[in-house]
Amino acid sequence: MTAQAERRDARAPSAIAGRYRDRGPLAAARRIGAMVLRYGFLFAKSWPRLVELIYWPTVQVVLWGLISQFFLHHSSWLVQASGALLAAALLWDVLFRSELGVAVSFMEEMWSRNLGSLFVAPLRPYEMAASLLTMSLLRTLIGLVPASLVAIVLYEYSIYDLGLPLLAFFVNLMVMGWAFGLVVCGLLFRWGLGAESVAWFAIFAIAPISGIYYPISELPQWVQYVAMALPPAHVFEGMRAVMFQGIFRTDLFLYAAGLNALYLAIGVVTFLYAFGIARRRGLILQSGAE
């Protein structure tokens, strides 16, 4: 017998034992435990994932609880406002899609690992931000216009009956969505795709206090102060003023516009600041990583 054959025969028992150790319920349990531990490490190093687990059930309970309480005490409101819920849903979609339009366009570059290549080209960060905002506008219009036509066909309600105030509401909600989207992009610069979930739930953080389906006065007093610091609260209050009272509240429009200017500035500064950090630390070239 050759020396090579002897070594092969010597290894054979341990190889057979190793194969048997990889079988059975205990071995399967070890492998399952290892995978669970791996996913646990992903949660441990990415706080957005942990927040998301708590976030959605909490927001659903708060939002629908407030809607239920409002309907319970104002049952005649539904009769008087046949199109209010549809108008609120369509306008809320403007805010949501404008934020998501910025974030998703940015994440598409990260998913394809193309972010580093873009900044090798003579592309300035403010130029990228401007392109993200433009794509957000296009995405929002593509989604909103068909939905509004469906509302006309199925429910005989046209949001365009709001007239020129609709343009004011649309612009204010778009700008607020842009501000949120730029902040999300800043988080993606810093945390990579580990912060991806923030893009999907960030805007819903303000949904319960935006007065989408009920007046701000239905909120607790201290929450009303927080709500009035957000542009959507003024927009939706203005929408109800147009629909129920037939007046355009210039004061609410100006409040929303002023707040939007502030929030958009914060969004732009956050985006540029995060880009600077990512460039110095070499995070742009790792943009596809978790």
Protein backbone atom coordinates (compact mmCIF):
# COMPACT_ATOMS: atom_id res chain seq x y z
CA MET A 1 0.00 0.00 0.00
CA THR A 2 1.37 3.38 -0.91
CA ALA A 3 1.86 6.17 1.61
CA GLN A 4 -0.88 8.21 -0.12
CA ALA A 5 -3.37 5.36 0.24
CA GLU A 6 -2.46 4.93 3.91
CA ARG A 7 -3.11 8.62 4.58
CA ARG A 8 -6.44 8.37 2.74
CA ASP A 9 -7.45 5.36 4.80
CA ALA A 10 -6.42 7.17 7.99
CA ARG A 11 -8.61 10.14 7.14
CA ALA A 12 -11.59 8.04 6.17
CA PRO A 13 -13.02 7.44 9.69
CA SER A 14 -12.85 11.13 10.61
CA ALA A 15 -14.44 12.12 7.28
CA ILE A 16 -17.26 9.63 7.81
CA ALA A 17 -17.76 10.85 11.38
CA GLY A 18 -17.84 14.44 10.12
CA ARG A 19 -20.56 13.59 7.63
CA TYR A 20 -22.64 12.00 10.34
CA ARG A 21 -22.12 14.99 12.63
CA ASP A 22 -23.67 17.18 9.91
CA ARG A 23 -26.88 15.21 10.05
CA GLY A 24 -29.66 14.86 12.54
CA PRO A 25 -31.82 17.28 14.52
CA LEU A 26 -29.01 18.60 16.71
CA ALA A 27 -26.88 19.51 13.71
CA ALA A 28 -29.86 21.17 12.04
CA ALA A 29 -30.57 23.12 15.24
CA ARG A 30 -26.95 24.35 15.34
CA ARG A 31 -27.16 25.58 11.76
CA ILE A 32 -30.50 27.27 12.39
CA GLY A 33 -29.07 28.92 15.50
CA ALA A 34 -26.06 30.14 13.53
CA MET A 35 -28.31 31.76 10.91
CA VAL A 36 -30.50 33.36 13.56
CA LEU A 37 -27.35 34.73 15.22
CA ARG A 38 -26.23 36.13 11.88
CA TYR A 39 -29.50 37.99 11.38
CA GLY A 40 -29.37 39.12 14.98
CA PHE A 41 -26.01 40.76 14.32
CA LEU A 42 -27.57 42.60 11.36
CA PHE A 43 -30.24 44.04 13.67
CA ALA A 44 -27.67 44.89 16.32
CA LYS A 45 -25.59 47.02 13.98
CA SER A 46 -28.54 48.67 12.20
CA TRP A 47 -30.85 50.67 14.48
CA PRO A 48 -33.32 51.44 11.63
CA ARG A 49 -34.23 47.76 11.46
CA LEU A 50 -35.05 47.70 15.17
CA VAL A 51 -37.08 50.89 14.93
CA GLU A 52 -39.07 49.49 12.01
CA LEU A 53 -40.17 46.45 14.02
CA ILE A 54 -41.75 48.67 16.67
CA TYR A 55 -42.81 51.46 14.38
CA TRP A 56 -45.49 50.04 12.08
CA PRO A 57 -47.78 48.49 14.72
CA THR A 58 -47.50 51.60 16.89
CA VAL A 59 -48.35 54.03 14.08
CA GLN A 60 -51.29 51.91 12.94
CA VAL A 61 -52.74 51.83 16.46
CA VAL A 62 -52.30 55.58 16.99
CA LEU A 63 -53.55 56.66 13.55
CA TRP A 64 -56.63 54.46 13.36
CA GLY A 65 -57.41 55.04 17.02
CA LEU A 66 -57.57 58.79 16.39
CA ILE A 67 -59.68 58.29 13.26
CA SER A 68 -62.10 56.06 15.16
CA GLN A 69 -62.45 58.56 18.01
CA PHE A 70 -63.10 61.41 15.58
CA PHE A 71 -65.79 59.48 13.71
CA LEU A 72 -67.36 58.42 17.00
CA HIS A 73 -67.84 62.01 18.14
CA HIS A 74 -68.50 63.53 14.72
CA SER A 75 -70.68 61.01 12.91
CA SER A 76 -72.22 63.74 10.73
CA TRP A 77 -68.78 64.63 9.33
CA LEU A 78 -68.87 61.74 6.88
CA VAL A 79 -72.19 62.88 5.48
CA GLN A 80 -71.00 66.46 5.01
CA ALA A 81 -67.64 65.51 3.52
CA SER A 82 -68.27 62.94 0.82
CA GLY A 83 -64.93 63.55 -0.89
CA ALA A 84 -62.82 64.60 2.08
CA LEU A 85 -61.33 61.17 2.67
CA LEU A 86 -60.45 60.74 -0.99
CA ALA A 87 -58.90 64.21 -1.18
CA ALA A 88 -56.91 63.56 2.00
CA ALA A 89 -55.71 60.19 0.70
CA LEU A 90 -54.59 61.66 -2.63
CA LEU A 91 -52.81 64.60 -1.03
CA TRP A 92 -51.13 62.35 1.51
CA ASP A 93 -49.90 60.25 -1.39
CA VAL A 94 -48.20 63.36 -2.79
CA LEU A 95 -46.19 63.70 0.42
CA PHE A 96 -45.37 60.01 0.63
CA ARG A 97 -44.40 59.61 -3.03
CA SER A 98 -42.30 62.76 -3.13
CA GLU A 99 -40.22 61.51 -0.20
CA LEU A 100 -40.00 58.01 -1.61
CA GLY A 101 -39.17 59.34 -5.08
CA VAL A 102 -36.01 60.96 -3.74
CA ALA A 103 -34.97 58.02 -1.58
CA VAL A 104 -35.69 55.23 -4.07
CA SER A 105 -33.85 56.98 -6.90
CA PHE A 106 -30.86 57.27 -4.58
CA MET A 107 -31.14 53.66 -3.41
CA GLU A 108 -31.25 52.41 -6.99
CA GLU A 109 -27.71 53.72 -7.37
CA MET A 110 -26.72 51.93 -4.17
CA TRP A 111 -28.40 48.65 -5.18
CA SER A 112 -26.46 48.69 -8.45
CA ARG A 113 -23.27 49.77 -6.64
CA ASN A 114 -23.05 52.70 -9.02
CA LEU A 115 -22.75 55.54 -6.53
CA GLY A 116 -18.96 55.53 -6.52
CA SER A 117 -18.87 55.56 -10.32
CA LEU A 118 -21.16 58.58 -10.46
CA PHE A 119 -18.90 60.68 -8.29
CA VAL A 120 -15.83 59.67 -10.26
CA ALA A 121 -17.50 61.60 -13.06
CA PRO A 122 -17.66 65.42 -12.72
CA LEU A 123 -20.96 65.22 -10.83
CA ARG A 124 -21.34 67.63 -7.95
CA PRO A 125 -23.43 66.63 -4.93
CA TYR A 126 -25.89 69.51 -5.38
CA GLU A 127 -26.39 68.41 -9.01
CA MET A 128 -27.25 64.92 -7.83
CA ALA A 129 -29.66 66.36 -5.25
CA ALA A 130 -31.37 68.42 -7.96
CA SER A 131 -31.73 65.35 -10.18
CA LEU A 132 -33.25 63.38 -7.29
CA LEU A 133 -35.83 66.12 -6.69
CA THR A 134 -36.70 66.22 -10.39
CA MET A 135 -37.20 62.44 -10.49
CA SER A 136 -39.33 62.68 -7.37
CA LEU A 137 -41.65 65.16 -9.10
CA LEU A 138 -41.96 62.93 -12.18
CA ARG A 139 -42.60 59.80 -10.08
CA THR A 140 -45.26 61.59 -8.05
CA LEU A 141 -47.11 62.89 -11.10
CA ILE A 142 -46.98 59.48 -12.79
CA GLY A 143 -48.54 57.90 -9.70
CA LEU A 144 -51.01 60.62 -8.75
CA VAL A 145 -52.65 61.50 -12.06
CA PRO A 146 -53.94 57.98 -12.84
CA ALA A 147 -55.15 57.59 -9.24
CA SER A 148 -57.09 60.84 -9.43
CA LEU A 149 -58.72 59.74 -12.70
CA VAL A 150 -59.73 56.43 -11.10
CA ALA A 151 -61.40 58.40 -8.29
CA ILE A 152 -63.42 60.31 -10.88
CA VAL A 153 -64.54 57.14 -12.67
CA LEU A 154 -65.30 54.98 -9.63
CA TYR A 155 -66.45 57.51 -7.03
CA GLU A 156 -67.47 60.52 -9.09
CA TYR A 157 -65.08 62.67 -7.10
CA SER A 158 -62.52 64.98 -8.71
CA ILE A 159 -59.77 66.46 -6.60
CA TYR A 160 -59.33 69.03 -9.36
CA ASP A 161 -62.54 70.68 -8.12
CA LEU A 162 -60.36 72.25 -5.43
CA GLY A 163 -59.08 74.60 -8.15
CA LEU A 164 -55.96 76.70 -7.67
CA PRO A 165 -55.65 75.84 -3.94
CA LEU A 166 -54.83 72.31 -5.07
CA LEU A 167 -51.62 73.64 -6.63
CA ALA A 168 -50.66 75.31 -3.36
CA PHE A 169 -51.32 72.10 -1.42
CA PHE A 170 -49.41 70.03 -3.97
CA VAL A 171 -46.31 72.24 -3.94
CA ASN A 172 -46.15 72.41 -0.16
CA LEU A 173 -46.45 68.65 0.25
CA MET A 174 -43.90 68.02 -2.51
CA VAL A 175 -41.33 70.27 -0.85
CA MET A 176 -41.86 68.63 2.54
CA GLY A 177 -41.39 65.22 0.94
CA TRP A 178 -38.18 66.43 -0.69
CA ALA A 179 -36.84 67.59 2.67
CA PHE A 180 -37.54 64.20 4.22
CA GLY A 181 -36.05 62.40 1.22
CA LEU A 182 -32.79 64.34 1.37
CA VAL A 183 -32.42 63.56 5.07
CA VAL A 184 -32.99 59.88 4.31
CA CYS A 185 -30.30 60.04 1.62
CA GLY A 186 -27.96 61.52 4.21
CA LEU A 187 -28.64 58.55 6.49
CA LEU A 188 -27.98 56.20 3.58
CA PHE A 189 -24.65 57.91 2.94
CA ARG A 190 -23.70 57.30 6.57
CA TRP A 191 -25.27 53.91 7.33
CA GLY A 192 -25.45 52.35 3.87
CA LEU A 193 -28.31 50.03 3.00
CA GLY A 194 -28.67 49.25 6.69
CA ALA A 195 -30.77 52.42 6.81
CA GLU A 196 -32.87 51.43 3.79
CA SER A 197 -35.96 50.74 5.89
CA VAL A 198 -35.99 54.38 7.03
CA ALA A 199 -36.96 55.39 3.49
CA TRP A 200 -40.16 53.35 3.72
CA PHE A 201 -41.39 54.45 7.12
CA ALA A 202 -39.84 57.87 7.79
CA ILE A 203 -42.68 59.96 6.42
CA PHE A 204 -45.29 57.92 8.29
CA ALA A 205 -43.78 59.11 11.56
CA ILE A 206 -45.70 62.36 11.17
CA ALA A 207 -48.91 60.82 9.81
CA PRO A 208 -50.81 60.68 13.14
CA ILE A 209 -50.10 64.35 13.87
CA SER A 210 -50.59 65.72 10.36
CA GLY A 211 -54.39 65.88 10.58
CA ILE A 212 -54.88 63.94 7.36
CA TYR A 213 -58.33 62.58 8.12
CA TYR A 214 -59.30 64.64 11.15
CA PRO A 215 -58.73 68.21 12.39
CA ILE A 216 -55.67 69.03 14.47
CA SER A 217 -58.03 70.06 17.28
CA GLU A 218 -58.75 66.35 17.87
CA LEU A 219 -55.20 65.83 19.11
CA PRO A 220 -54.12 66.39 22.73
CA GLN A 221 -53.20 70.01 23.40
CA TRP A 222 -49.44 69.47 23.67
CA VAL A 223 -49.42 67.37 20.48
CA GLN A 224 -51.17 70.19 18.63
CA TYR A 225 -48.12 72.42 19.19
CA VAL A 226 -45.91 69.76 17.62
CA ALA A 227 -48.33 69.29 14.73
CA MET A 228 -48.43 72.99 13.91
CA ALA A 229 -44.65 72.94 13.52
CA LEU A 230 -45.13 70.63 10.51
CA PRO A 231 -46.24 71.88 7.07
CA PRO A 232 -48.68 68.99 6.37
CA ALA A 233 -50.84 69.98 9.32
CA HIS A 234 -51.40 73.43 7.77
CA VAL A 235 -51.97 71.90 4.33
CA PHE A 236 -54.68 69.50 5.47
CA GLU A 237 -56.34 72.15 7.63
CA GLY A 238 -56.34 74.37 4.54
CA MET A 239 -57.83 71.58 2.46
CA ARG A 240 -60.76 71.22 4.87
CA ALA A 241 -61.26 74.98 4.90
CA VAL A 242 -61.63 74.96 1.11
CA MET A 243 -63.96 71.97 1.09
CA PHE A 244 -66.20 72.85 4.05
CA GLN A 245 -66.07 76.64 4.22
CA GLY A 246 -65.27 77.51 0.63
CA ILE A 247 -62.32 79.73 1.61
CA PHE A 248 -58.60 79.57 0.97
CA ARG A 249 -56.71 80.19 4.22
CA THR A 250 -53.77 82.36 3.17
CA ASP A 251 -52.37 82.26 6.69
CA LEU A 252 -52.15 78.46 6.64
CA PHE A 253 -50.51 78.56 3.21
CA LEU A 254 -47.87 81.04 4.39
CA TYR A 255 -47.17 79.03 7.55
CA ALA A 256 -46.68 75.88 5.47
CA ALA A 257 -44.46 77.66 2.93
CA GLY A 258 -42.26 79.18 5.63
CA LEU A 259 -41.83 75.88 7.44
CA ASN A 260 -41.08 74.13 4.17
CA ALA A 261 -38.31 76.60 3.39
CA LEU A 262 -36.76 75.76 6.77
CA TYR A 263 -37.12 71.99 6.38
CA LEU A 264 -35.82 71.98 2.82
CA ALA A 265 -32.74 73.92 3.95
CA ILE A 266 -32.20 71.33 6.69
CA GLY A 267 -32.57 68.54 4.14
CA VAL A 268 -30.05 70.07 1.74
CA VAL A 269 -27.52 70.75 4.51
CA THR A 270 -27.93 67.20 5.85
CA PHE A 271 -27.42 65.71 2.39
CA LEU A 272 -24.28 67.77 1.69
CA TYR A 273 -22.86 67.22 5.17
CA ALA A 274 -23.39 63.45 4.97
CA PHE A 275 -21.82 63.41 1.50
CA GLY A 276 -18.74 65.17 2.89
CA ILE A 277 -18.40 62.59 5.68
CA ALA A 278 -18.92 59.69 3.28
CA ARG A 279 -16.27 61.04 0.90
CA ARG A 280 -13.69 61.54 3.66
CA ARG A 281 -14.27 58.07 5.13
CA GLY A 282 -14.46 56.27 1.80
CA LEU A 283 -18.06 55.20 2.41
CA ILE A 284 -19.20 56.09 -1.12
CA LEU A 285 -17.25 53.18 -2.61
CA GLN A 286 -18.90 50.87 -0.05
CA SER A 287 -22.39 52.18 -0.79
CA GLY A 288 -23.83 48.77 -1.67
CA ALA A 289 -22.89 47.25 1.67
CA GLU A 290 -25.22 46.68 4.60
